[in-house]
Amino acid sequence: MSIAFDLTPEQEELRRQAREFAEREIAPIAAEIDEKDELPWDIWGKMAQPPYYYTGQFIPKEYRGYPRKLVDMCLITEELACAGQGAITVALIEVAGVGTAPIVTAGNESQKRKWLPPIAAGQALGCFALTEPQAGSDAAAIETRA
């Protein structure tokens, strides 16, 4: 029995679209983004808009998100990173993904309605704090209580 690893036509289109976006919007200023070490808000805003919806891919539809399958998110991330800009890719995963996960999974309805739509729209950023002096990035060793 063989297993096919071919992309679907929809995934091929998603990859093409992400590649074109990255080549047009990110690649020409990748070195400048690295130099300034700042997230370019104009590009972040474009990533939130149709047909991309990249900033909402971890957010449920009822909060104006655009959830995607993991393979689809990997295709997008790969193409954005290939444009020479790791910071935008990290922001997409860390901010749009890890930063929203606690709200999506454990937030109350009021918190979800307040924060998830602006994050999906590229108007706000979720965040995730992990590092502590005694723990580094070992989440199990964190001792801080809020």
Protein backbone atom coordinates (compact mmCIF):
# COMPACT_ATOMS: atom_id res chain seq x y z
CA MET A 1 0.00 0.00 0.00
CA SER A 2 1.47 3.33 -1.02
CA ILE A 3 0.86 6.70 0.54
CA ALA A 4 0.63 9.80 -1.60
CA PHE A 5 2.18 13.00 -0.31
CA ASP A 6 1.01 15.14 -3.18
CA LEU A 7 -0.58 18.46 -2.40
CA THR A 8 -4.19 19.01 -3.34
CA PRO A 9 -4.93 21.58 -6.04
CA GLU A 10 -6.18 23.90 -3.27
CA GLN A 11 -2.90 23.51 -1.38
CA GLU A 12 -0.88 24.17 -4.52
CA GLU A 13 -2.88 27.38 -5.04
CA LEU A 14 -2.37 28.39 -1.40
CA ARG A 15 1.36 27.85 -1.76
CA ARG A 16 1.49 29.83 -5.02
CA GLN A 17 -0.45 32.68 -3.44
CA ALA A 18 1.81 32.76 -0.37
CA ARG A 19 4.92 32.68 -2.58
CA GLU A 20 3.68 35.60 -4.67
CA PHE A 21 2.80 37.58 -1.56
CA ALA A 22 6.21 36.92 -0.06
CA GLU A 23 8.07 37.84 -3.25
CA ARG A 24 6.06 41.04 -3.72
CA GLU A 25 5.71 42.30 -0.14
CA ILE A 26 8.47 40.76 1.97
CA ALA A 27 11.52 39.92 -0.15
CA PRO A 28 12.18 43.51 -1.34
CA ILE A 29 12.47 44.78 2.24
CA ALA A 30 13.70 41.67 4.08
CA ALA A 31 17.12 43.18 4.84
CA GLU A 32 15.51 46.40 6.07
CA ILE A 33 13.21 44.44 8.38
CA ASP A 34 16.25 42.61 9.79
CA GLU A 35 18.15 45.87 10.22
CA LYS A 36 15.31 47.65 12.04
CA ASP A 37 14.31 44.52 13.97
CA GLU A 38 10.68 45.65 13.89
CA LEU A 39 7.50 44.04 12.64
CA PRO A 40 6.31 45.94 9.56
CA TRP A 41 2.73 46.75 10.48
CA ASP A 42 1.72 47.51 6.91
CA ILE A 43 2.71 44.01 5.82
CA TRP A 44 1.09 42.49 8.91
CA GLY A 45 -2.13 44.27 7.98
CA LYS A 46 -1.95 42.98 4.41
CA MET A 47 -1.44 39.45 5.72
CA ALA A 48 -4.75 39.77 7.56
CA GLN A 49 -6.75 40.77 4.49
CA PRO A 50 -8.44 38.66 1.80
CA PRO A 51 -7.43 36.48 0.15
CA TYR A 52 -4.66 35.72 2.68
CA TYR A 53 -6.15 35.78 6.21
CA TYR A 54 -2.81 34.59 7.58
CA THR A 55 -3.15 36.33 10.96
CA GLY A 56 -6.47 34.59 11.61
CA GLN A 57 -5.48 31.05 10.76
CA PHE A 58 -5.39 29.94 14.42
CA ILE A 59 -8.69 31.62 15.31
CA PRO A 60 -12.16 30.03 15.01
CA LYS A 61 -14.58 31.43 12.44
CA GLU A 62 -17.02 32.66 15.09
CA TYR A 63 -14.35 35.19 16.15
CA ARG A 64 -13.67 36.28 12.55
CA GLY A 65 -10.77 33.89 12.16
CA TYR A 66 -9.88 31.78 9.19
CA PRO A 67 -8.80 28.41 10.60
CA ARG A 68 -6.59 26.26 8.42
CA LYS A 69 -5.23 22.74 8.48
CA LEU A 70 -1.71 22.29 9.80
CA VAL A 71 -0.30 21.37 6.37
CA ASP A 72 -1.78 24.57 4.92
CA MET A 73 -0.22 26.67 7.70
CA CYS A 74 3.13 24.98 7.06
CA LEU A 75 2.94 25.80 3.35
CA ILE A 76 2.27 29.46 4.10
CA THR A 77 5.01 29.64 6.72
CA GLU A 78 7.53 28.01 4.42
CA GLU A 79 6.85 30.43 1.59
CA LEU A 80 7.04 33.51 3.83
CA ALA A 81 10.32 32.28 5.31
CA CYS A 82 11.76 31.63 1.85
CA ALA A 83 11.40 35.34 1.13
CA GLY A 84 14.28 35.89 3.53
CA GLN A 85 12.29 37.08 6.49
CA GLY A 86 12.24 34.84 9.54
CA ALA A 87 10.86 37.50 11.89
CA ILE A 88 7.55 37.73 10.06
CA THR A 89 7.32 33.96 10.00
CA VAL A 90 8.07 33.71 13.71
CA ALA A 91 5.50 36.42 14.41
CA LEU A 92 2.92 34.52 12.41
CA ILE A 93 3.50 31.35 14.42
CA GLU A 94 4.30 32.81 17.83
CA VAL A 95 2.02 35.83 17.89
CA ALA A 96 -0.88 34.67 15.79
CA GLY A 97 -0.61 31.06 16.97
CA VAL A 98 0.95 30.63 20.39
CA GLY A 99 -0.20 34.06 21.53
CA THR A 100 -3.85 33.30 20.76
CA ALA A 101 -3.94 29.68 21.93
CA PRO A 102 -4.57 30.51 25.62
CA ILE A 103 -7.44 32.80 24.67
CA VAL A 104 -8.95 30.28 22.24
CA THR A 105 -8.65 27.34 24.64
CA ALA A 106 -9.19 28.90 28.05
CA GLY A 107 -10.52 32.42 27.60
CA ASN A 108 -14.05 33.24 28.62
CA GLU A 109 -16.52 34.41 26.01
CA SER A 110 -15.95 38.07 26.81
CA GLN A 111 -12.18 37.73 26.38
CA LYS A 112 -12.58 35.84 23.10
CA ARG A 113 -14.93 38.45 21.64
CA LYS A 114 -12.69 41.29 22.81
CA TRP A 115 -9.31 40.00 21.62
CA LEU A 116 -9.65 37.39 18.88
CA PRO A 117 -11.34 39.51 16.16
CA PRO A 118 -8.70 42.30 16.30
CA ILE A 119 -5.90 39.71 16.26
CA ALA A 120 -7.48 37.98 13.26
CA ALA A 121 -7.84 41.37 11.54
CA GLY A 122 -4.15 42.17 12.05
CA GLN A 123 -4.99 45.10 14.36
CA ALA A 124 -3.68 43.55 17.59
CA LEU A 125 -1.09 40.99 18.63
CA GLY A 126 -1.46 38.15 21.05
CA CYS A 127 1.53 37.46 23.24
CA PHE A 128 3.05 34.63 25.16
CA ALA A 129 5.59 35.01 27.97
CA LEU A 130 7.73 32.03 28.78
CA THR A 131 11.27 32.88 29.82
CA GLU A 132 12.27 33.10 33.49
CA PRO A 133 15.79 33.32 34.93
CA GLN A 134 15.63 29.87 36.54
CA ALA A 135 13.63 28.20 33.75
CA GLY A 136 14.69 29.65 30.41
CA SER A 137 12.12 28.30 27.96
CA ASP A 138 11.31 25.19 30.02
CA ALA A 139 7.58 25.76 30.56
CA ALA A 140 7.37 23.06 33.24
CA ALA A 141 9.94 24.87 35.40
CA ILE A 142 8.18 28.25 35.45
CA GLU A 143 7.42 29.47 38.97
CA THR A 144 5.76 32.86 38.43
CA ARG A 145 2.13 33.16 39.49
CA ALA A 146 -0.22 35.82 38.19
